[in-house]
Amino acid sequence: MTYRVDLVPRVEAVLEELPESGHQEVIGLIAAVLVQSEVWPAPGGWDVAFGARSWVAFTTYADGIEVYDVGWAG
């Protein structure tokens, strides 16, 4: 099944400002969340996923996720 991922404008801006290693880690974390749909909360719910030095906050839809906040501690 194909899922969609939306990034709010603030997340897009943060991704542009991260160094390459931070950008790659956050994008990898978003990808990891996207492919694990069986553990998403019910549509309309939200969750946070953590990487080694990053985190993403997202809300779910029936067909994907919307990432509304990210952080990187690198």
N, C-alpha and C. Protein backbone atom coordinates (compact mmCIF):
# COMPACT_ATOMS: atom_id res chain seq x y z
N MET A 1 0.84 -1.18 0.00
CA MET A 1 0.00 0.00 0.00
C MET A 1 0.89 1.25 0.00
N THR A 2 0.46 2.25 -0.71
CA THR A 2 1.18 3.52 -0.75
C THR A 2 0.61 4.47 0.30
N TYR A 3 1.48 5.07 1.07
CA TYR A 3 1.07 6.04 2.08
C TYR A 3 1.63 7.40 1.71
N ARG A 4 0.96 8.43 2.19
CA ARG A 4 1.45 9.79 1.94
C ARG A 4 2.06 10.35 3.22
N VAL A 5 2.96 11.28 3.04
CA VAL A 5 3.54 12.00 4.17
C VAL A 5 3.50 13.49 3.84
N ASP A 6 2.94 14.25 4.74
CA ASP A 6 2.89 15.70 4.60
C ASP A 6 3.79 16.31 5.66
N LEU A 7 4.48 17.36 5.29
CA LEU A 7 5.33 18.10 6.23
C LEU A 7 4.75 19.51 6.35
N VAL A 8 4.49 19.96 7.57
CA VAL A 8 4.03 21.33 7.73
C VAL A 8 5.18 22.27 7.36
N PRO A 9 4.87 23.50 6.96
CA PRO A 9 5.93 24.42 6.52
C PRO A 9 7.06 24.60 7.53
N ARG A 10 6.75 24.61 8.81
CA ARG A 10 7.80 24.76 9.83
C ARG A 10 8.79 23.61 9.76
N VAL A 11 8.30 22.40 9.56
CA VAL A 11 9.18 21.23 9.45
C VAL A 11 10.07 21.35 8.21
N GLU A 12 9.49 21.79 7.10
CA GLU A 12 10.29 21.98 5.89
C GLU A 12 11.41 22.99 6.14
N ALA A 13 11.10 24.06 6.86
CA ALA A 13 12.11 25.08 7.15
C ALA A 13 13.22 24.53 8.04
N VAL A 14 12.84 23.75 9.05
CA VAL A 14 13.84 23.16 9.94
C VAL A 14 14.74 22.21 9.16
N LEU A 15 14.16 21.38 8.31
CA LEU A 15 14.96 20.44 7.52
C LEU A 15 15.99 21.16 6.65
N GLU A 16 15.61 22.31 6.11
CA GLU A 16 16.54 23.06 5.27
C GLU A 16 17.72 23.62 6.08
N GLU A 17 17.50 23.86 7.36
CA GLU A 17 18.54 24.45 8.20
C GLU A 17 19.47 23.42 8.84
N LEU A 18 19.07 22.17 8.87
CA LEU A 18 19.89 21.14 9.50
C LEU A 18 21.14 20.84 8.68
N PRO A 19 22.22 20.47 9.35
CA PRO A 19 23.37 19.97 8.60
C PRO A 19 23.00 18.65 7.92
N GLU A 20 23.79 18.24 6.97
CA GLU A 20 23.47 17.03 6.19
C GLU A 20 23.20 15.82 7.07
N SER A 21 24.01 15.61 8.11
CA SER A 21 23.80 14.43 8.97
C SER A 21 22.47 14.51 9.70
N GLY A 22 22.09 15.68 10.15
CA GLY A 22 20.80 15.85 10.83
C GLY A 22 19.64 15.66 9.87
N HIS A 23 19.77 16.22 8.68
CA HIS A 23 18.73 16.08 7.66
C HIS A 23 18.51 14.61 7.33
N GLN A 24 19.59 13.87 7.11
CA GLN A 24 19.48 12.45 6.79
C GLN A 24 18.84 11.67 7.92
N GLU A 25 19.22 11.97 9.17
CA GLU A 25 18.66 11.24 10.30
C GLU A 25 17.16 11.49 10.44
N VAL A 26 16.75 12.75 10.31
CA VAL A 26 15.33 13.07 10.45
C VAL A 26 14.52 12.45 9.31
N ILE A 27 15.00 12.56 8.08
CA ILE A 27 14.29 11.95 6.95
C ILE A 27 14.22 10.44 7.12
N GLY A 28 15.29 9.82 7.59
CA GLY A 28 15.28 8.38 7.85
C GLY A 28 14.27 8.00 8.92
N LEU A 29 14.15 8.82 9.95
CA LEU A 29 13.18 8.56 11.01
C LEU A 29 11.75 8.69 10.48
N ILE A 30 11.50 9.71 9.67
CA ILE A 30 10.17 9.86 9.05
C ILE A 30 9.86 8.64 8.20
N ALA A 31 10.82 8.18 7.41
CA ALA A 31 10.61 7.00 6.57
C ALA A 31 10.33 5.76 7.42
N ALA A 32 11.04 5.61 8.54
CA ALA A 32 10.81 4.46 9.42
C ALA A 32 9.40 4.49 10.00
N VAL A 33 8.94 5.66 10.39
CA VAL A 33 7.57 5.79 10.91
C VAL A 33 6.57 5.45 9.82
N LEU A 34 6.79 5.95 8.63
CA LEU A 34 5.84 5.76 7.53
C LEU A 34 5.62 4.30 7.19
N VAL A 35 6.65 3.48 7.26
CA VAL A 35 6.50 2.08 6.87
C VAL A 35 5.99 1.19 8.00
N GLN A 36 5.79 1.76 9.18
CA GLN A 36 5.29 0.97 10.32
C GLN A 36 3.84 1.33 10.64
N SER A 37 2.99 1.32 9.63
CA SER A 37 1.60 1.75 9.80
C SER A 37 0.84 0.91 10.82
N GLU A 38 1.27 -0.30 11.06
CA GLU A 38 0.56 -1.15 12.02
C GLU A 38 0.67 -0.65 13.46
N VAL A 39 1.62 0.23 13.74
CA VAL A 39 1.75 0.77 15.10
C VAL A 39 1.32 2.23 15.19
N TRP A 40 0.80 2.79 14.10
CA TRP A 40 0.29 4.16 14.15
C TRP A 40 -0.92 4.21 15.08
N PRO A 41 -1.13 5.34 15.74
CA PRO A 41 -2.39 5.50 16.47
C PRO A 41 -3.55 5.59 15.48
N ALA A 42 -4.76 5.50 15.97
CA ALA A 42 -5.94 5.61 15.11
C ALA A 42 -5.91 6.94 14.36
N PRO A 43 -6.52 7.00 13.16
CA PRO A 43 -6.55 8.26 12.42
C PRO A 43 -7.02 9.42 13.31
N GLY A 44 -6.27 10.52 13.22
CA GLY A 44 -6.55 11.67 14.06
C GLY A 44 -5.71 11.68 15.33
N GLY A 45 -5.11 10.55 15.65
CA GLY A 45 -4.25 10.46 16.82
C GLY A 45 -2.87 11.01 16.51
N TRP A 46 -2.03 11.06 17.51
CA TRP A 46 -0.68 11.57 17.32
C TRP A 46 0.31 10.71 18.09
N ASP A 47 1.56 10.83 17.72
CA ASP A 47 2.62 10.08 18.39
C ASP A 47 3.95 10.79 18.13
N VAL A 48 4.96 10.36 18.85
CA VAL A 48 6.31 10.87 18.68
C VAL A 48 7.24 9.68 18.49
N ALA A 49 8.16 9.78 17.57
CA ALA A 49 9.17 8.74 17.35
C ALA A 49 10.54 9.35 17.59
N PHE A 50 11.43 8.55 18.15
CA PHE A 50 12.77 9.03 18.50
C PHE A 50 13.84 8.27 17.73
N GLY A 51 14.83 9.00 17.26
CA GLY A 51 16.02 8.43 16.66
C GLY A 51 17.19 8.62 17.61
N ALA A 52 18.39 8.35 17.14
CA ALA A 52 19.58 8.49 17.98
C ALA A 52 19.75 9.92 18.48
N ARG A 53 19.56 10.90 17.61
CA ARG A 53 19.70 12.31 18.00
C ARG A 53 18.54 13.15 17.49
N SER A 54 17.42 12.52 17.16
CA SER A 54 16.31 13.27 16.58
C SER A 54 14.97 12.72 17.07
N TRP A 55 13.94 13.51 16.80
CA TRP A 55 12.58 13.06 17.08
C TRP A 55 11.65 13.72 16.07
N VAL A 56 10.53 13.06 15.82
CA VAL A 56 9.48 13.61 14.96
C VAL A 56 8.13 13.42 15.64
N ALA A 57 7.31 14.43 15.57
CA ALA A 57 5.94 14.36 16.09
C ALA A 57 5.01 14.35 14.89
N PHE A 58 4.04 13.45 14.91
CA PHE A 58 3.17 13.30 13.74
C PHE A 58 1.75 12.96 14.15
N THR A 59 0.84 13.28 13.26
CA THR A 59 -0.56 12.88 13.39
C THR A 59 -0.86 11.92 12.24
N THR A 60 -1.86 11.09 12.43
CA THR A 60 -2.13 10.05 11.44
C THR A 60 -3.45 10.29 10.71
N TYR A 61 -3.48 9.79 9.49
CA TYR A 61 -4.67 9.74 8.65
C TYR A 61 -4.81 8.30 8.19
N ALA A 62 -5.91 7.98 7.57
CA ALA A 62 -6.10 6.61 7.08
C ALA A 62 -5.04 6.25 6.04
N ASP A 63 -4.57 7.24 5.29
CA ASP A 63 -3.64 6.95 4.19
C ASP A 63 -2.24 7.53 4.39
N GLY A 64 -1.90 7.93 5.61
CA GLY A 64 -0.55 8.45 5.82
C GLY A 64 -0.40 9.25 7.09
N ILE A 65 0.66 10.05 7.11
CA ILE A 65 0.97 10.83 8.31
C ILE A 65 1.25 12.29 7.92
N GLU A 66 1.10 13.16 8.91
CA GLU A 66 1.52 14.54 8.77
C GLU A 66 2.52 14.82 9.88
N VAL A 67 3.72 15.20 9.51
CA VAL A 67 4.76 15.53 10.48
C VAL A 67 4.62 17.01 10.81
N TYR A 68 4.33 17.31 12.08
CA TYR A 68 4.11 18.70 12.46
C TYR A 68 5.22 19.29 13.32
N ASP A 69 6.18 18.48 13.74
CA ASP A 69 7.31 19.01 14.49
C ASP A 69 8.47 18.03 14.43
N VAL A 70 9.68 18.56 14.42
CA VAL A 70 10.89 17.73 14.44
C VAL A 70 11.91 18.39 15.35
N GLY A 71 12.83 17.59 15.82
CA GLY A 71 13.93 18.11 16.62
C GLY A 71 15.19 17.31 16.35
N TRP A 72 16.31 17.97 16.53
CA TRP A 72 17.60 17.30 16.33
C TRP A 72 18.57 17.85 17.36
N ALA A 73 19.24 16.98 18.06
CA ALA A 73 20.16 17.36 19.13
C ALA A 73 21.60 17.06 18.75
N GLY A 74 21.98 17.46 17.56
CA GLY A 74 23.30 17.12 17.06
C GLY A 74 24.29 18.20 17.12
